[in-house]
Amino acid sequence: MELTVRPGQQLLGAPNWQAGQPLWQRVPKRDAQGHLLADFVMGAPSLKGWLPGEFAPWLTLVEGALKRFGPAVVFADFNLQTRLLWVSHEARRGLGLQIVAALRAVAPELLLVAQPADLAR
């Protein structure tokens, strides 16, 4: 898993302001074995005044938190314009809540927008 930062902003590299495919076309819906994936969205509205170049250290922390879950996190996308983080992961009971907690530990600015299914149980 690699954290994708949009629009075209590379995590620690120079800006590349090219539009990508719409998110709904890029987000994986099933894993390699055909099992459905779970996902959630987190927002960071308090980062509204930040310039794209100021995100690099913050994004490194977010990416590090996601990488702790290894291949269980299969997709992550942060939209600079809307300040939304989309995360897709294996559909295992409690995993979404663990990932959210890990993200909030390193980036308390992130707020859960769409709750993981295992929070509703």
C-alpha atoms as a PDB file:
ATOM      1  CA  MET A   1       0.000   0.000   0.000  1.00  0.00           C
ATOM      2  CA  GLU A   2       1.197   3.451  -0.867  1.00  0.00           C
ATOM      3  CA  LEU A   3      -0.575   6.593   0.215  1.00  0.00           C
ATOM      4  CA  THR A   4      -1.719   8.487  -2.856  1.00  0.00           C
ATOM      5  CA  VAL A   5      -1.901  12.236  -2.445  1.00  0.00           C
ATOM      6  CA  ARG A   6      -4.107  14.123  -4.888  1.00  0.00           C
ATOM      7  CA  PRO A   7      -4.253  16.205  -6.974  1.00  0.00           C
ATOM      8  CA  GLY A   8      -0.941  14.937  -8.289  1.00  0.00           C
ATOM      9  CA  GLN A   9       1.064  15.959  -5.204  1.00  0.00           C
ATOM     10  CA  GLN A  10       3.697  13.346  -4.517  1.00  0.00           C
ATOM     11  CA  LEU A  11       4.269  12.500  -0.878  1.00  0.00           C
ATOM     12  CA  LEU A  12       7.777  13.901  -0.559  1.00  0.00           C
ATOM     13  CA  GLY A  13       8.538  14.928  -4.133  1.00  0.00           C
ATOM     14  CA  ALA A  14       7.839  17.858  -6.380  1.00  0.00           C
ATOM     15  CA  PRO A  15       4.256  18.739  -7.275  1.00  0.00           C
ATOM     16  CA  ASN A  16       2.795  17.126 -10.358  1.00  0.00           C
ATOM     17  CA  TRP A  17      -0.561  18.845 -10.825  1.00  0.00           C
ATOM     18  CA  GLN A  18      -2.235  16.358 -13.133  1.00  0.00           C
ATOM     19  CA  ALA A  19      -5.756  15.121 -12.588  1.00  0.00           C
ATOM     20  CA  GLY A  20      -6.144  11.402 -12.016  1.00  0.00           C
ATOM     21  CA  GLN A  21      -9.039   9.069 -12.564  1.00  0.00           C
ATOM     22  CA  PRO A  22     -12.073   9.671 -10.361  1.00  0.00           C
ATOM     23  CA  LEU A  23     -11.767   8.017  -6.975  1.00  0.00           C
ATOM     24  CA  TRP A  24     -14.758   5.746  -7.531  1.00  0.00           C
ATOM     25  CA  GLN A  25     -12.891   4.220 -10.492  1.00  0.00           C
ATOM     26  CA  ARG A  26      -9.603   3.716  -8.618  1.00  0.00           C
ATOM     27  CA  VAL A  27     -10.784   2.359  -5.269  1.00  0.00           C
ATOM     28  CA  PRO A  28     -10.495  -1.432  -5.199  1.00  0.00           C
ATOM     29  CA  LYS A  29     -13.693  -3.224  -4.247  1.00  0.00           C
ATOM     30  CA  ARG A  30     -12.301  -6.751  -3.874  1.00  0.00           C
ATOM     31  CA  ASP A  31      -8.962  -8.253  -2.855  1.00  0.00           C
ATOM     32  CA  ALA A  32      -6.912 -10.664  -4.993  1.00  0.00           C
ATOM     33  CA  GLN A  33      -9.009 -13.613  -3.740  1.00  0.00           C
ATOM     34  CA  GLY A  34     -12.286 -11.888  -4.665  1.00  0.00           C
ATOM     35  CA  HIS A  35     -13.327 -10.994  -1.103  1.00  0.00           C
ATOM     36  CA  LEU A  36     -15.063  -7.650  -0.603  1.00  0.00           C
ATOM     37  CA  LEU A  37     -12.993  -4.901   1.005  1.00  0.00           C
ATOM     38  CA  ALA A  38     -14.138  -2.491   3.709  1.00  0.00           C
ATOM     39  CA  ASP A  39     -13.396   1.239   3.678  1.00  0.00           C
ATOM     40  CA  PHE A  40     -13.845   4.465   5.560  1.00  0.00           C
ATOM     41  CA  VAL A  41     -13.274   8.181   5.061  1.00  0.00           C
ATOM     42  CA  MET A  42     -11.638  10.637   7.451  1.00  0.00           C
ATOM     43  CA  GLY A  43     -11.528  14.406   7.081  1.00  0.00           C
ATOM     44  CA  ALA A  44      -9.021  16.969   8.300  1.00  0.00           C
ATOM     45  CA  PRO A  45     -10.893  20.291   8.123  1.00  0.00           C
ATOM     46  CA  SER A  46      -8.464  21.958  10.547  1.00  0.00           C
ATOM     47  CA  LEU A  47      -5.737  21.727   7.869  1.00  0.00           C
ATOM     48  CA  LYS A  48      -7.623  24.130   5.592  1.00  0.00           C
ATOM     49  CA  GLY A  49      -5.021  26.904   5.664  1.00  0.00           C
ATOM     50  CA  TRP A  50      -2.051  24.650   4.937  1.00  0.00           C
ATOM     51  CA  LEU A  51      -0.170  24.948   1.659  1.00  0.00           C
ATOM     52  CA  PRO A  52       0.550  21.732  -0.283  1.00  0.00           C
ATOM     53  CA  GLY A  53       4.244  21.824   0.695  1.00  0.00           C
ATOM     54  CA  GLU A  54       3.388  21.877   4.408  1.00  0.00           C
ATOM     55  CA  PHE A  55       1.718  18.469   4.253  1.00  0.00           C
ATOM     56  CA  ALA A  56       4.838  16.324   3.733  1.00  0.00           C
ATOM     57  CA  PRO A  57       5.723  15.668   7.426  1.00  0.00           C
ATOM     58  CA  TRP A  58       2.063  15.137   8.357  1.00  0.00           C
ATOM     59  CA  LEU A  59       1.503  12.764   5.440  1.00  0.00           C
ATOM     60  CA  THR A  60       4.609  10.800   6.421  1.00  0.00           C
ATOM     61  CA  LEU A  61       3.049  10.180   9.853  1.00  0.00           C
ATOM     62  CA  VAL A  62      -0.253   9.129   8.283  1.00  0.00           C
ATOM     63  CA  GLU A  63       1.473   6.794   5.833  1.00  0.00           C
ATOM     64  CA  GLY A  64       3.538   5.285   8.659  1.00  0.00           C
ATOM     65  CA  ALA A  65       0.391   4.540  10.663  1.00  0.00           C
ATOM     66  CA  LEU A  66      -1.190   2.840   7.659  1.00  0.00           C
ATOM     67  CA  LYS A  67       1.926   0.799   6.851  1.00  0.00           C
ATOM     68  CA  ARG A  68       1.843  -0.750  10.340  1.00  0.00           C
ATOM     69  CA  PHE A  69      -1.111  -2.798   9.097  1.00  0.00           C
ATOM     70  CA  GLY A  70       0.889  -4.211   6.204  1.00  0.00           C
ATOM     71  CA  PRO A  71      -1.079  -5.728   3.337  1.00  0.00           C
ATOM     72  CA  ALA A  72      -4.352  -5.458   5.322  1.00  0.00           C
ATOM     73  CA  VAL A  73      -4.549  -1.832   4.100  1.00  0.00           C
ATOM     74  CA  VAL A  74      -4.829  -2.117   0.338  1.00  0.00           C
ATOM     75  CA  PHE A  75      -5.569   1.475  -0.706  1.00  0.00           C
ATOM     76  CA  ALA A  76      -5.194   4.961   0.738  1.00  0.00           C
ATOM     77  CA  ASP A  77      -5.858   8.289  -0.945  1.00  0.00           C
ATOM     78  CA  PHE A  78      -5.585  11.799   0.514  1.00  0.00           C
ATOM     79  CA  ASN A  79      -7.251  14.599  -1.441  1.00  0.00           C
ATOM     80  CA  LEU A  80      -5.448  17.894  -0.771  1.00  0.00           C
ATOM     81  CA  GLN A  81      -8.337  20.035  -1.958  1.00  0.00           C
ATOM     82  CA  THR A  82     -11.079  18.429   0.148  1.00  0.00           C
ATOM     83  CA  ARG A  83      -8.762  17.293   2.992  1.00  0.00           C
ATOM     84  CA  LEU A  84     -10.286  13.783   2.870  1.00  0.00           C
ATOM     85  CA  LEU A  85      -8.476  10.498   3.474  1.00  0.00           C
ATOM     86  CA  TRP A  86     -10.042   7.357   1.976  1.00  0.00           C
ATOM     87  CA  VAL A  87      -8.760   4.019   3.286  1.00  0.00           C
ATOM     88  CA  SER A  88      -9.716   0.565   1.949  1.00  0.00           C
ATOM     89  CA  HIS A  89      -8.749  -2.515   3.940  1.00  0.00           C
ATOM     90  CA  GLU A  90      -9.463  -6.200   4.401  1.00  0.00           C
ATOM     91  CA  ALA A  91     -12.933  -6.795   5.799  1.00  0.00           C
ATOM     92  CA  ARG A  92     -12.022  -8.216   9.219  1.00  0.00           C
ATOM     93  CA  ARG A  93     -14.024  -7.536  12.351  1.00  0.00           C
ATOM     94  CA  GLY A  94     -12.472  -4.685  14.335  1.00  0.00           C
ATOM     95  CA  LEU A  95      -9.763  -3.865  11.792  1.00  0.00           C
ATOM     96  CA  GLY A  96     -11.348  -0.574  10.689  1.00  0.00           C
ATOM     97  CA  LEU A  97     -11.551   0.628  14.268  1.00  0.00           C
ATOM     98  CA  GLN A  98      -7.893  -0.305  14.865  1.00  0.00           C
ATOM     99  CA  ILE A  99      -6.772   1.611  11.775  1.00  0.00           C
ATOM    100  CA  VAL A 100      -8.831   4.668  12.762  1.00  0.00           C
ATOM    101  CA  ALA A 101      -7.309   4.593  16.263  1.00  0.00           C
ATOM    102  CA  ALA A 102      -3.767   4.342  14.839  1.00  0.00           C
ATOM    103  CA  LEU A 103      -4.416   7.259  12.490  1.00  0.00           C
ATOM    104  CA  ARG A 104      -5.901   9.413  15.271  1.00  0.00           C
ATOM    105  CA  ALA A 105      -2.878   8.628  17.468  1.00  0.00           C
ATOM    106  CA  VAL A 106      -0.461  10.173  14.941  1.00  0.00           C
ATOM    107  CA  ALA A 107      -2.819  12.715  13.354  1.00  0.00           C
ATOM    108  CA  PRO A 108      -5.512  13.835  15.817  1.00  0.00           C
ATOM    109  CA  GLU A 109      -6.736  16.322  13.197  1.00  0.00           C
ATOM    110  CA  LEU A 110      -8.358  13.423  11.338  1.00  0.00           C
ATOM    111  CA  LEU A 111     -12.058  13.001  12.054  1.00  0.00           C
ATOM    112  CA  LEU A 112     -14.117  10.002  11.019  1.00  0.00           C
ATOM    113  CA  VAL A 113     -16.581  10.986   8.294  1.00  0.00           C
ATOM    114  CA  ALA A 114     -17.974   7.628   7.234  1.00  0.00           C
ATOM    115  CA  GLN A 115     -17.854   5.010   9.928  1.00  0.00           C
ATOM    116  CA  PRO A 116     -16.531   1.492   9.385  1.00  0.00           C
ATOM    117  CA  ALA A 117     -19.204  -1.188   9.409  1.00  0.00           C
ATOM    118  CA  ASP A 118     -17.702  -2.839  12.510  1.00  0.00           C
ATOM    119  CA  LEU A 119     -18.385   0.322  14.570  1.00  0.00           C
ATOM    120  CA  ALA A 120     -22.117  -0.067  13.977  1.00  0.00           C
ATOM    121  CA  ARG A 121     -22.268  -3.524  15.577  1.00  0.00           C
END
